[in-house]
Amino acid sequence: MHIQLNPHSEDLLRKQLSRGEFHSAEEVIERALETLAERAPRRAAIEAAEFEATLDALAEGSDKLPVLPPEATSRAGIYSDHN
């Protein structure tokens, strides 16, 4: 596979190589892809946890909300003034 990098990506790649930790561009890219692969499951777990926390925050105090009459929630009630 051949990949063409834009100037910004080439600069980032050169900077990583100049640090001396990597011996080739392929090694830098492989490490970056491995890091992305490792983060994906953790990111999904964090997003799920954030979603659950948001739902909990929304549900907090919902037992104090007034119950709407059927006219406010049914199709017939909503459109009762339309002929």
PDB file of N, CA and C in Angstrom:
ATOM      1  N   MET A   1       0.852  -1.171   0.000  1.00  0.00           N
ATOM      2  CA  MET A   1       0.000   0.000   0.000  1.00  0.00           C
ATOM      3  C   MET A   1       0.898   1.234   0.000  1.00  0.00           C
ATOM      4  N   HIS A   2       0.525   2.196  -0.806  1.00  0.00           N
ATOM      5  CA  HIS A   2       1.261   3.451  -0.849  1.00  0.00           C
ATOM      6  C   HIS A   2       0.348   4.559  -0.345  1.00  0.00           C
ATOM      7  N   ILE A   3       0.902   5.404   0.508  1.00  0.00           N
ATOM      8  CA  ILE A   3       0.126   6.491   1.089  1.00  0.00           C
ATOM      9  C   ILE A   3       0.839   7.802   0.792  1.00  0.00           C
ATOM     10  N   GLN A   4       0.069   8.795   0.346  1.00  0.00           N
ATOM     11  CA  GLN A   4       0.636  10.114   0.103  1.00  0.00           C
ATOM     12  C   GLN A   4       0.234  11.023   1.259  1.00  0.00           C
ATOM     13  N   LEU A   5       1.216  11.599   1.933  1.00  0.00           N
ATOM     14  CA  LEU A   5       0.960  12.457   3.077  1.00  0.00           C
ATOM     15  C   LEU A   5       0.911  13.918   2.653  1.00  0.00           C
ATOM     16  N   ASN A   6       0.076  14.670   3.341  1.00  0.00           N
ATOM     17  CA  ASN A   6       0.071  16.113   3.096  1.00  0.00           C
ATOM     18  C   ASN A   6       1.271  16.719   3.831  1.00  0.00           C
ATOM     19  N   PRO A   7       1.606  17.973   3.554  1.00  0.00           N
ATOM     20  CA  PRO A   7       2.786  18.582   4.176  1.00  0.00           C
ATOM     21  C   PRO A   7       2.759  18.568   5.712  1.00  0.00           C
ATOM     22  N   HIS A   8       1.615  18.790   6.296  1.00  0.00           N
ATOM     23  CA  HIS A   8       1.505  18.771   7.761  1.00  0.00           C
ATOM     24  C   HIS A   8       1.844  17.387   8.304  1.00  0.00           C
ATOM     25  N   SER A   9       1.293  16.346   7.693  1.00  0.00           N
ATOM     26  CA  SER A   9       1.568  14.979   8.150  1.00  0.00           C
ATOM     27  C   SER A   9       3.033  14.617   7.945  1.00  0.00           C
ATOM     28  N   GLU A  10       3.613  15.051   6.832  1.00  0.00           N
ATOM     29  CA  GLU A  10       5.040  14.800   6.603  1.00  0.00           C
ATOM     30  C   GLU A  10       5.878  15.457   7.689  1.00  0.00           C
ATOM     31  N   ASP A  11       5.515  16.681   8.076  1.00  0.00           N
ATOM     32  CA  ASP A  11       6.246  17.380   9.121  1.00  0.00           C
ATOM     33  C   ASP A  11       6.137  16.631  10.449  1.00  0.00           C
ATOM     34  N   LEU A  12       4.941  16.170  10.782  1.00  0.00           N
ATOM     35  CA  LEU A  12       4.761  15.392  12.013  1.00  0.00           C
ATOM     36  C   LEU A  12       5.604  14.113  11.983  1.00  0.00           C
ATOM     37  N   LEU A  13       5.628  13.467  10.855  1.00  0.00           N
ATOM     38  CA  LEU A  13       6.401  12.235  10.703  1.00  0.00           C
ATOM     39  C   LEU A  13       7.891  12.509  10.860  1.00  0.00           C
ATOM     40  N   ARG A  14       8.365  13.558  10.227  1.00  0.00           N
ATOM     41  CA  ARG A  14       9.784  13.920  10.349  1.00  0.00           C
ATOM     42  C   ARG A  14      10.153  14.231  11.809  1.00  0.00           C
ATOM     43  N   LYS A  15       9.281  14.939  12.506  1.00  0.00           N
ATOM     44  CA  LYS A  15       9.548  15.271  13.904  1.00  0.00           C
ATOM     45  C   LYS A  15       9.652  14.009  14.754  1.00  0.00           C
ATOM     46  N   GLN A  16       8.781  13.039  14.508  1.00  0.00           N
ATOM     47  CA  GLN A  16       8.844  11.786  15.261  1.00  0.00           C
ATOM     48  C   GLN A  16      10.138  11.041  14.960  1.00  0.00           C
ATOM     49  N   LEU A  17      10.537  11.029  13.700  1.00  0.00           N
ATOM     50  CA  LEU A  17      11.776  10.341  13.329  1.00  0.00           C
ATOM     51  C   LEU A  17      12.989  11.040  13.923  1.00  0.00           C
ATOM     52  N   SER A  18      12.951  12.364  13.998  1.00  0.00           N
ATOM     53  CA  SER A  18      14.102  13.115  14.516  1.00  0.00           C
ATOM     54  C   SER A  18      14.303  12.896  16.015  1.00  0.00           C
ATOM     55  N   ARG A  19      13.263  12.467  16.707  1.00  0.00           N
ATOM     56  CA  ARG A  19      13.384  12.213  18.148  1.00  0.00           C
ATOM     57  C   ARG A  19      14.228  10.971  18.426  1.00  0.00           C
ATOM     58  N   GLY A  20      14.397  10.124  17.426  1.00  0.00           N
ATOM     59  CA  GLY A  20      15.255   8.957  17.560  1.00  0.00           C
ATOM     60  C   GLY A  20      14.604   7.713  18.128  1.00  0.00           C
ATOM     61  N   GLU A  21      13.334   7.791  18.480  1.00  0.00           N
ATOM     62  CA  GLU A  21      12.659   6.627  19.052  1.00  0.00           C
ATOM     63  C   GLU A  21      12.300   5.600  17.971  1.00  0.00           C
ATOM     64  N   PHE A  22      12.104   6.063  16.765  1.00  0.00           N
ATOM     65  CA  PHE A  22      11.706   5.199  15.656  1.00  0.00           C
ATOM     66  C   PHE A  22      12.806   5.172  14.599  1.00  0.00           C
ATOM     67  N   HIS A  23      12.894   4.047  13.887  1.00  0.00           N
ATOM     68  CA  HIS A  23      13.923   3.883  12.865  1.00  0.00           C
ATOM     69  C   HIS A  23      13.408   4.105  11.450  1.00  0.00           C
ATOM     70  N   SER A  24      12.089   4.107  11.288  1.00  0.00           N
ATOM     71  CA  SER A  24      11.537   4.280   9.941  1.00  0.00           C
ATOM     72  C   SER A  24      10.155   4.912  10.017  1.00  0.00           C
ATOM     73  N   ALA A  25       9.733   5.442   8.885  1.00  0.00           N
ATOM     74  CA  ALA A  25       8.390   6.016   8.794  1.00  0.00           C
ATOM     75  C   ALA A  25       7.344   4.935   9.037  1.00  0.00           C
ATOM     76  N   GLU A  26       7.604   3.739   8.553  1.00  0.00           N
ATOM     77  CA  GLU A  26       6.667   2.643   8.734  1.00  0.00           C
ATOM     78  C   GLU A  26       6.465   2.323  10.211  1.00  0.00           C
ATOM     79  N   GLU A  27       7.553   2.411  10.975  1.00  0.00           N
ATOM     80  CA  GLU A  27       7.469   2.126  12.404  1.00  0.00           C
ATOM     81  C   GLU A  27       6.623   3.182  13.124  1.00  0.00           C
ATOM     82  N   VAL A  28       6.784   4.436  12.740  1.00  0.00           N
ATOM     83  CA  VAL A  28       5.985   5.509  13.331  1.00  0.00           C
ATOM     84  C   VAL A  28       4.505   5.283  13.037  1.00  0.00           C
ATOM     85  N   ILE A  29       4.205   4.986  11.793  1.00  0.00           N
ATOM     86  CA  ILE A  29       2.813   4.796  11.388  1.00  0.00           C
ATOM     87  C   ILE A  29       2.221   3.563  12.060  1.00  0.00           C
ATOM     88  N   GLU A  30       3.010   2.506  12.154  1.00  0.00           N
ATOM     89  CA  GLU A  30       2.515   1.289  12.819  1.00  0.00           C
ATOM     90  C   GLU A  30       2.185   1.571  14.277  1.00  0.00           C
ATOM     91  N   ARG A  31       3.053   2.297  14.964  1.00  0.00           N
ATOM     92  CA  ARG A  31       2.797   2.634  16.368  1.00  0.00           C
ATOM     93  C   ARG A  31       1.553   3.502  16.500  1.00  0.00           C
ATOM     94  N   ALA A  32       1.387   4.458  15.586  1.00  0.00           N
ATOM     95  CA  ALA A  32       0.204   5.320  15.628  1.00  0.00           C
ATOM     96  C   ALA A  32      -1.071   4.505  15.437  1.00  0.00           C
ATOM     97  N   LEU A  33      -1.045   3.563  14.503  1.00  0.00           N
ATOM     98  CA  LEU A  33      -2.222   2.726  14.263  1.00  0.00           C
ATOM     99  C   LEU A  33      -2.508   1.812  15.451  1.00  0.00           C
ATOM    100  N   GLU A  34      -1.459   1.288  16.068  1.00  0.00           N
ATOM    101  CA  GLU A  34      -1.656   0.448  17.261  1.00  0.00           C
ATOM    102  C   GLU A  34      -2.282   1.264  18.386  1.00  0.00           C
ATOM    103  N   THR A  35      -1.826   2.487  18.553  1.00  0.00           N
ATOM    104  CA  THR A  35      -2.377   3.359  19.594  1.00  0.00           C
ATOM    105  C   THR A  35      -3.847   3.637  19.340  1.00  0.00           C
ATOM    106  N   LEU A  36      -4.202   3.899  18.096  1.00  0.00           N
ATOM    107  CA  LEU A  36      -5.616   4.124  17.754  1.00  0.00           C
ATOM    108  C   LEU A  36      -6.457   2.886  18.045  1.00  0.00           C
ATOM    109  N   ALA A  37      -5.926   1.726  17.710  1.00  0.00           N
ATOM    110  CA  ALA A  37      -6.654   0.479  17.941  1.00  0.00           C
ATOM    111  C   ALA A  37      -6.860   0.226  19.432  1.00  0.00           C
ATOM    112  N   GLU A  38      -5.873   0.586  20.249  1.00  0.00           N
ATOM    113  CA  GLU A  38      -5.991   0.399  21.699  1.00  0.00           C
ATOM    114  C   GLU A  38      -6.998   1.363  22.306  1.00  0.00           C
ATOM    115  N   ARG A  39      -7.075   2.563  21.775  1.00  0.00           N
ATOM    116  CA  ARG A  39      -7.959   3.584  22.334  1.00  0.00           C
ATOM    117  C   ARG A  39      -9.423   3.359  21.984  1.00  0.00           C
ATOM    118  N   ALA A  40      -9.706   2.704  20.891  1.00  0.00           N
ATOM    119  CA  ALA A  40     -11.090   2.557  20.424  1.00  0.00           C
ATOM    120  C   ALA A  40     -11.998   1.917  21.474  1.00  0.00           C
ATOM    121  N   PRO A  41     -11.647   0.781  22.075  1.00  0.00           N
ATOM    122  CA  PRO A  41     -12.541   0.189  23.082  1.00  0.00           C
ATOM    123  C   PRO A  41     -12.691   1.074  24.320  1.00  0.00           C
ATOM    124  N   ARG A  42     -11.591   1.704  24.754  1.00  0.00           N
ATOM    125  CA  ARG A  42     -11.673   2.583  25.924  1.00  0.00           C
ATOM    126  C   ARG A  42     -12.545   3.781  25.624  1.00  0.00           C
ATOM    127  N   ARG A  43     -12.415   4.311  24.414  1.00  0.00           N
ATOM    128  CA  ARG A  43     -13.216   5.476  24.033  1.00  0.00           C
ATOM    129  C   ARG A  43     -14.697   5.123  24.035  1.00  0.00           C
ATOM    130  N   ALA A  44     -15.040   3.947  23.518  1.00  0.00           N
ATOM    131  CA  ALA A  44     -16.442   3.521  23.502  1.00  0.00           C
ATOM    132  C   ALA A  44     -16.966   3.357  24.924  1.00  0.00           C
ATOM    133  N   ALA A  45     -16.128   2.822  25.816  1.00  0.00           N
ATOM    134  CA  ALA A  45     -16.538   2.649  27.209  1.00  0.00           C
ATOM    135  C   ALA A  45     -16.746   3.996  27.881  1.00  0.00           C
ATOM    136  N   ILE A  46     -15.874   4.946  27.611  1.00  0.00           N
ATOM    137  CA  ILE A  46     -16.014   6.283  28.187  1.00  0.00           C
ATOM    138  C   ILE A  46     -17.278   6.939  27.653  1.00  0.00           C
ATOM    139  N   GLU A  47     -17.487   6.822  26.350  1.00  0.00           N
ATOM    140  CA  GLU A  47     -18.684   7.417  25.765  1.00  0.00           C
ATOM    141  C   GLU A  47     -19.945   6.789  26.347  1.00  0.00           C
ATOM    142  N   ALA A  48     -19.930   5.475  26.556  1.00  0.00           N
ATOM    143  CA  ALA A  48     -21.089   4.800  27.142  1.00  0.00           C
ATOM    144  C   ALA A  48     -21.297   5.266  28.577  1.00  0.00           C
ATOM    145  N   ALA A  49     -20.204   5.411  29.331  1.00  0.00           N
ATOM    146  CA  ALA A  49     -20.309   5.864  30.713  1.00  0.00           C
ATOM    147  C   ALA A  49     -20.832   7.298  30.768  1.00  0.00           C
ATOM    148  N   GLU A  50     -20.344   8.149  29.867  1.00  0.00           N
ATOM    149  CA  GLU A  50     -20.832   9.532  29.814  1.00  0.00           C
ATOM    150  C   GLU A  50     -22.312   9.570  29.453  1.00  0.00           C
ATOM    151  N   PHE A  51     -22.712   8.699  28.532  1.00  0.00           N
ATOM    152  CA  PHE A  51     -24.105   8.630  28.117  1.00  0.00           C
ATOM    153  C   PHE A  51     -24.987   8.208  29.296  1.00  0.00           C
ATOM    154  N   GLU A  52     -24.544   7.195  30.019  1.00  0.00           N
ATOM    155  CA  GLU A  52     -25.294   6.733  31.191  1.00  0.00           C
ATOM    156  C   GLU A  52     -25.400   7.841  32.248  1.00  0.00           C
ATOM    157  N   ALA A  53     -24.314   8.564  32.463  1.00  0.00           N
ATOM    158  CA  ALA A  53     -24.335   9.657  33.436  1.00  0.00           C
ATOM    159  C   ALA A  53     -25.301  10.754  33.008  1.00  0.00           C
ATOM    160  N   THR A  54     -25.327  11.030  31.716  1.00  0.00           N
ATOM    161  CA  THR A  54     -26.251  12.039  31.195  1.00  0.00           C
ATOM    162  C   THR A  54     -27.699  11.587  31.384  1.00  0.00           C
ATOM    163  N   LEU A  55     -27.971  10.329  31.100  1.00  0.00           N
ATOM    164  CA  LEU A  55     -29.324   9.809  31.303  1.00  0.00           C
ATOM    165  C   LEU A  55     -29.719   9.872  32.774  1.00  0.00           C
ATOM    166  N   ASP A  56     -28.786   9.519  33.653  1.00  0.00           N
ATOM    167  CA  ASP A  56     -29.074   9.587  35.087  1.00  0.00           C
ATOM    168  C   ASP A  56     -29.386  11.020  35.511  1.00  0.00           C
ATOM    169  N   ALA A  57     -28.620  11.982  34.990  1.00  0.00           N
ATOM    170  CA  ALA A  57     -28.852  13.383  35.327  1.00  0.00           C
ATOM    171  C   ALA A  57     -30.213  13.855  34.814  1.00  0.00           C
ATOM    172  N   LEU A  58     -30.588  13.412  33.634  1.00  0.00           N
ATOM    173  CA  LEU A  58     -31.891  13.781  33.085  1.00  0.00           C
ATOM    174  C   LEU A  58     -33.030  13.144  33.879  1.00  0.00           C
ATOM    175  N   ALA A  59     -32.822  11.925  34.317  1.00  0.00           N
ATOM    176  CA  ALA A  59     -33.867  11.210  35.040  1.00  0.00           C
ATOM    177  C   ALA A  59     -34.027  11.711  36.475  1.00  0.00           C
ATOM    178  N   GLU A  60     -32.967  12.319  37.004  1.00  0.00           N
ATOM    179  CA  GLU A  60     -33.030  12.812  38.380  1.00  0.00           C
ATOM    180  C   GLU A  60     -34.137  13.858  38.514  1.00  0.00           C
ATOM    181  N   GLY A  61     -35.043  13.608  39.401  1.00  0.00           N
ATOM    182  CA  GLY A  61     -36.146  14.539  39.623  1.00  0.00           C
ATOM    183  C   GLY A  61     -37.312  14.357  38.671  1.00  0.00           C
ATOM    184  N   SER A  62     -37.224  13.389  37.776  1.00  0.00           N
ATOM    185  CA  SER A  62     -38.319  13.199  36.812  1.00  0.00           C
ATOM    186  C   SER A  62     -39.604  12.726  37.486  1.00  0.00           C
ATOM    187  N   ASP A  63     -39.488  12.158  38.674  1.00  0.00           N
ATOM    188  CA  ASP A  63     -40.687  11.716  39.381  1.00  0.00           C
ATOM    189  C   ASP A  63     -41.519  12.906  39.868  1.00  0.00           C
ATOM    190  N   LYS A  64     -40.945  14.101  39.818  1.00  0.00           N
ATOM    191  CA  LYS A  64     -41.668  15.298  40.258  1.00  0.00           C
ATOM    192  C   LYS A  64     -42.331  16.037  39.096  1.00  0.00           C
ATOM    193  N   LEU A  65     -42.125  15.555  37.882  1.00  0.00           N
ATOM    194  CA  LEU A  65     -42.747  16.195  36.722  1.00  0.00           C
ATOM    195  C   LEU A  65     -44.237  15.891  36.702  1.00  0.00           C
ATOM    196  N   PRO A  66     -45.052  16.851  36.279  1.00  0.00           N
ATOM    197  CA  PRO A  66     -46.499  16.591  36.241  1.00  0.00           C
ATOM    198  C   PRO A  66     -46.841  15.600  35.127  1.00  0.00           C
ATOM    199  N   VAL A  67     -47.864  14.839  35.371  1.00  0.00           N
ATOM    200  CA  VAL A  67     -48.352  13.891  34.366  1.00  0.00           C
ATOM    201  C   VAL A  67     -49.293  14.658  33.441  1.00  0.00           C
ATOM    202  N   LEU A  68     -49.025  14.578  32.158  1.00  0.00           N
ATOM    203  CA  LEU A  68     -49.855  15.299  31.190  1.00  0.00           C
ATOM    204  C   LEU A  68     -51.137  14.520  30.904  1.00  0.00           C
ATOM    205  N   PRO A  69     -52.213  15.228  30.647  1.00  0.00           N
ATOM    206  CA  PRO A  69     -53.470  14.545  30.314  1.00  0.00           C
ATOM    207  C   PRO A  69     -53.359  13.920  28.927  1.00  0.00           C
ATOM    208  N   PRO A  70     -54.186  12.917  28.638  1.00  0.00           N
ATOM    209  CA  PRO A  70     -54.147  12.246  27.339  1.00  0.00           C
ATOM    210  C   PRO A  70     -54.316  13.211  26.168  1.00  0.00           C
ATOM    211  N   GLU A  71     -55.058  14.298  26.363  1.00  0.00           N
ATOM    212  CA  GLU A  71     -55.257  15.256  25.265  1.00  0.00           C
ATOM    213  C   GLU A  71     -53.941  15.897  24.838  1.00  0.00           C
ATOM    214  N   ALA A  72     -52.972  15.959  25.725  1.00  0.00           N
ATOM    215  CA  ALA A  72     -51.690  16.590  25.418  1.00  0.00           C
ATOM    216  C   ALA A  72     -50.722  15.635  24.750  1.00  0.00           C
ATOM    217  N   THR A  73     -50.999  14.342  24.829  1.00  0.00           N
ATOM    218  CA  THR A  73     -50.041  13.376  24.301  1.00  0.00           C
ATOM    219  C   THR A  73     -50.592  12.487  23.195  1.00  0.00           C
ATOM    220  N   SER A  74     -51.868  12.541  22.933  1.00  0.00           N
ATOM    221  CA  SER A  74     -52.433  11.696  21.881  1.00  0.00           C
ATOM    222  C   SER A  74     -52.555  12.495  20.586  1.00  0.00           C
ATOM    223  N   ARG A  75     -52.555  11.806  19.491  1.00  0.00           N
ATOM    224  CA  ARG A  75     -52.700  12.460  18.189  1.00  0.00           C
ATOM    225  C   ARG A  75     -54.038  13.196  18.108  1.00  0.00           C
ATOM    226  N   ALA A  76     -55.089  12.554  18.574  1.00  0.00           N
ATOM    227  CA  ALA A  76     -56.405  13.166  18.534  1.00  0.00           C
ATOM    228  C   ALA A  76     -56.430  14.435  19.383  1.00  0.00           C
ATOM    229  N   GLY A  77     -55.793  14.403  20.526  1.00  0.00           N
ATOM    230  CA  GLY A  77     -55.762  15.565  21.387  1.00  0.00           C
ATOM    231  C   GLY A  77     -54.944  16.704  20.814  1.00  0.00           C
ATOM    232  N   ILE A  78     -53.813  16.364  20.221  1.00  0.00           N
ATOM    233  CA  ILE A  78     -52.936  17.388  19.655  1.00  0.00           C
ATOM    234  C   ILE A  78     -53.599  18.088  18.481  1.00  0.00           C
ATOM    235  N   TYR A  79     -54.305  17.325  17.644  1.00  0.00           N
ATOM    236  CA  TYR A  79     -54.932  17.884  16.449  1.00  0.00           C
ATOM    237  C   TYR A  79     -56.428  18.120  16.590  1.00  0.00           C
ATOM    238  N   SER A  80     -56.917  18.233  17.803  1.00  0.00           N
ATOM    239  CA  SER A  80     -58.347  18.373  18.023  1.00  0.00           C
ATOM    240  C   SER A  80     -58.905  19.669  17.426  1.00  0.00           C
ATOM    241  N   ASP A  81     -58.095  20.701  17.330  1.00  0.00           N
ATOM    242  CA  ASP A  81     -58.599  21.964  16.781  1.00  0.00           C
ATOM    243  C   ASP A  81     -58.439  22.069  15.267  1.00  0.00           C
ATOM    244  N   HIS A  82     -57.955  21.012  14.639  1.00  0.00           N
ATOM    245  CA  HIS A  82     -57.831  20.989  13.173  1.00  0.00           C
ATOM    246  C   HIS A  82     -59.014  20.228  12.578  1.00  0.00           C
ATOM    247  N   ASN A  83     -59.595  20.792  11.573  1.00  0.00           N
ATOM    248  CA  ASN A  83     -60.739  20.126  10.925  1.00  0.00           C
ATOM    249  C   ASN A  83     -60.339  19.398   9.695  1.00  0.00           C
TER     250      ASN A  83
END
